[in-house]
Amino acid sequence: MANQCPVCGAPIQPEMIPATRTISFECSNCRSRLQVVKRDRTGLFVVSVTLSIAINILPHNEGVVFILATIATTLTVFVLGSFLLSVTGTPKLERSRPKARPVHLPRNVRPAH
């Protein structure tokens, strides 16, 4: 499935989409600023933990060995799954939100309460 601009619906070429979520880019059709939506990894984390527990119960690990092996396996499965999702998944796009600029008050001015 090809990516489309969420504003005008024009197709977006994959090479136009930046690899990192923090960089915005412009739609070639409507000139709207777009960015990649951060993926929710909650489901992947739940699957990683469940799979890790199941894998570490089979050899009858107990106590500290079970906990450490489960943590190591969870991290490995989660990182591998995240990598596979980033490589194979189609990124979802949204209109870029400008970051709010911090307000700097002079040192001798107190904010109103």
Protein backbone atom coordinates (compact mmCIF):
# COMPACT_ATOMS: atom_id res chain seq x y z
CA MET A 1 0.00 0.00 0.00
CA ALA A 2 1.40 3.40 -1.01
CA ASN A 3 1.55 6.29 1.40
CA GLN A 4 -0.82 9.18 0.87
CA CYS A 5 -0.80 12.75 2.09
CA PRO A 6 -3.32 12.98 4.96
CA VAL A 7 -4.28 16.50 3.80
CA CYS A 8 -4.82 16.18 0.03
CA GLY A 9 -4.62 12.40 -0.57
CA ALA A 10 -1.79 12.64 -3.10
CA PRO A 11 0.56 9.64 -3.25
CA ILE A 12 3.85 10.08 -1.40
CA GLN A 13 6.92 8.33 -2.77
CA PRO A 14 8.71 6.17 -0.15
CA GLU A 15 12.05 7.89 -0.79
CA MET A 16 10.50 11.25 0.26
CA ILE A 17 9.70 9.94 3.76
CA PRO A 18 12.54 10.49 6.26
CA ALA A 19 13.81 7.57 8.33
CA THR A 20 13.43 9.41 11.63
CA ARG A 21 10.15 10.57 13.11
CA THR A 22 11.51 13.94 14.23
CA ILE A 23 12.12 15.25 10.70
CA SER A 24 9.21 16.76 8.81
CA PHE A 25 8.91 16.97 5.04
CA GLU A 26 6.71 18.67 2.48
CA CYS A 27 3.95 17.13 0.35
CA SER A 28 4.87 17.75 -3.30
CA ASN A 29 1.21 18.37 -4.17
CA CYS A 30 -0.27 20.63 -1.45
CA ARG A 31 2.99 21.74 0.25
CA SER A 32 1.70 20.73 3.72
CA ARG A 33 4.38 19.85 6.28
CA LEU A 34 4.10 16.15 7.18
CA GLN A 35 5.79 13.81 9.65
CA VAL A 36 5.77 10.10 10.47
CA VAL A 37 3.46 9.08 13.33
CA LYS A 38 5.12 7.32 16.24
CA ARG A 39 4.05 3.68 16.32
CA ASP A 40 2.46 2.24 19.42
CA ARG A 41 4.62 -0.69 20.54
CA THR A 42 2.43 -1.84 23.47
CA GLY A 43 1.18 -4.92 21.62
CA LEU A 44 4.71 -5.87 20.60
CA PHE A 45 5.88 -5.51 24.20
CA VAL A 46 3.05 -7.74 25.51
CA VAL A 47 3.85 -10.39 22.89
CA SER A 48 7.58 -10.15 23.75
CA VAL A 49 6.98 -10.68 27.47
CA THR A 50 4.51 -13.53 26.90
CA LEU A 51 6.81 -15.30 24.45
CA SER A 52 9.81 -14.80 26.75
CA ILE A 53 8.02 -16.29 29.74
CA ALA A 54 6.90 -19.28 27.68
CA ILE A 55 10.42 -19.84 26.31
CA ASN A 56 12.00 -19.65 29.77
CA ILE A 57 9.48 -21.95 31.47
CA LEU A 58 10.30 -24.84 29.10
CA PRO A 59 13.85 -25.51 30.41
CA HIS A 60 12.52 -25.22 34.00
CA ASN A 61 14.51 -22.09 34.87
CA GLU A 62 13.83 -20.94 38.42
CA GLY A 63 14.41 -17.86 40.59
CA VAL A 64 16.99 -15.33 39.53
CA VAL A 65 17.97 -17.33 36.44
CA PHE A 66 14.34 -17.30 35.25
CA ILE A 67 14.00 -13.53 35.83
CA LEU A 68 17.29 -12.64 34.13
CA ALA A 69 16.66 -14.98 31.20
CA THR A 70 13.13 -13.58 30.76
CA ILE A 71 14.38 -9.98 30.78
CA ALA A 72 17.13 -10.78 28.26
CA THR A 73 14.74 -12.68 26.01
CA THR A 74 12.10 -9.93 26.23
CA LEU A 75 14.62 -7.27 25.21
CA THR A 76 15.89 -9.39 22.34
CA VAL A 77 12.42 -10.20 20.99
CA PHE A 78 11.24 -6.58 21.41
CA VAL A 79 14.26 -5.08 19.62
CA LEU A 80 14.07 -7.65 16.82
CA GLY A 81 10.31 -7.10 16.45
CA SER A 82 10.72 -3.31 16.41
CA PHE A 83 13.37 -3.60 13.72
CA LEU A 84 11.21 -5.89 11.58
CA LEU A 85 8.21 -3.57 11.94
CA SER A 86 10.27 -0.55 10.92
CA VAL A 87 11.64 -2.35 7.86
CA THR A 88 8.45 -4.03 6.67
CA GLY A 89 5.73 -1.67 7.89
CA THR A 90 4.26 1.24 5.95
CA PRO A 91 4.73 4.43 7.97
CA LYS A 92 1.59 6.38 8.85
CA LEU A 93 1.77 10.10 8.10
CA GLU A 94 0.22 13.10 9.84
CA ARG A 95 0.34 16.87 9.47
CA SER A 96 3.46 18.16 11.20
CA ARG A 97 2.89 19.97 14.47
CA PRO A 98 5.23 22.90 15.11
CA LYS A 99 7.04 22.65 18.38
CA ALA A 100 6.14 25.31 20.96
CA ARG A 101 8.95 27.72 21.57
CA PRO A 102 9.96 28.13 25.20
CA VAL A 103 9.22 31.49 26.77
CA HIS A 104 12.26 33.06 28.38
CA LEU A 105 11.62 35.71 31.01
CA PRO A 106 14.32 38.16 32.07
CA ARG A 107 15.97 37.17 35.35
CA ASN A 108 14.50 40.09 37.29
CA VAL A 109 10.88 39.50 36.21
CA ARG A 110 8.65 37.12 38.18
CA PRO A 111 5.76 35.35 36.49
CA ALA A 112 2.28 36.54 37.49
CA HIS A 113 0.35 34.24 39.85
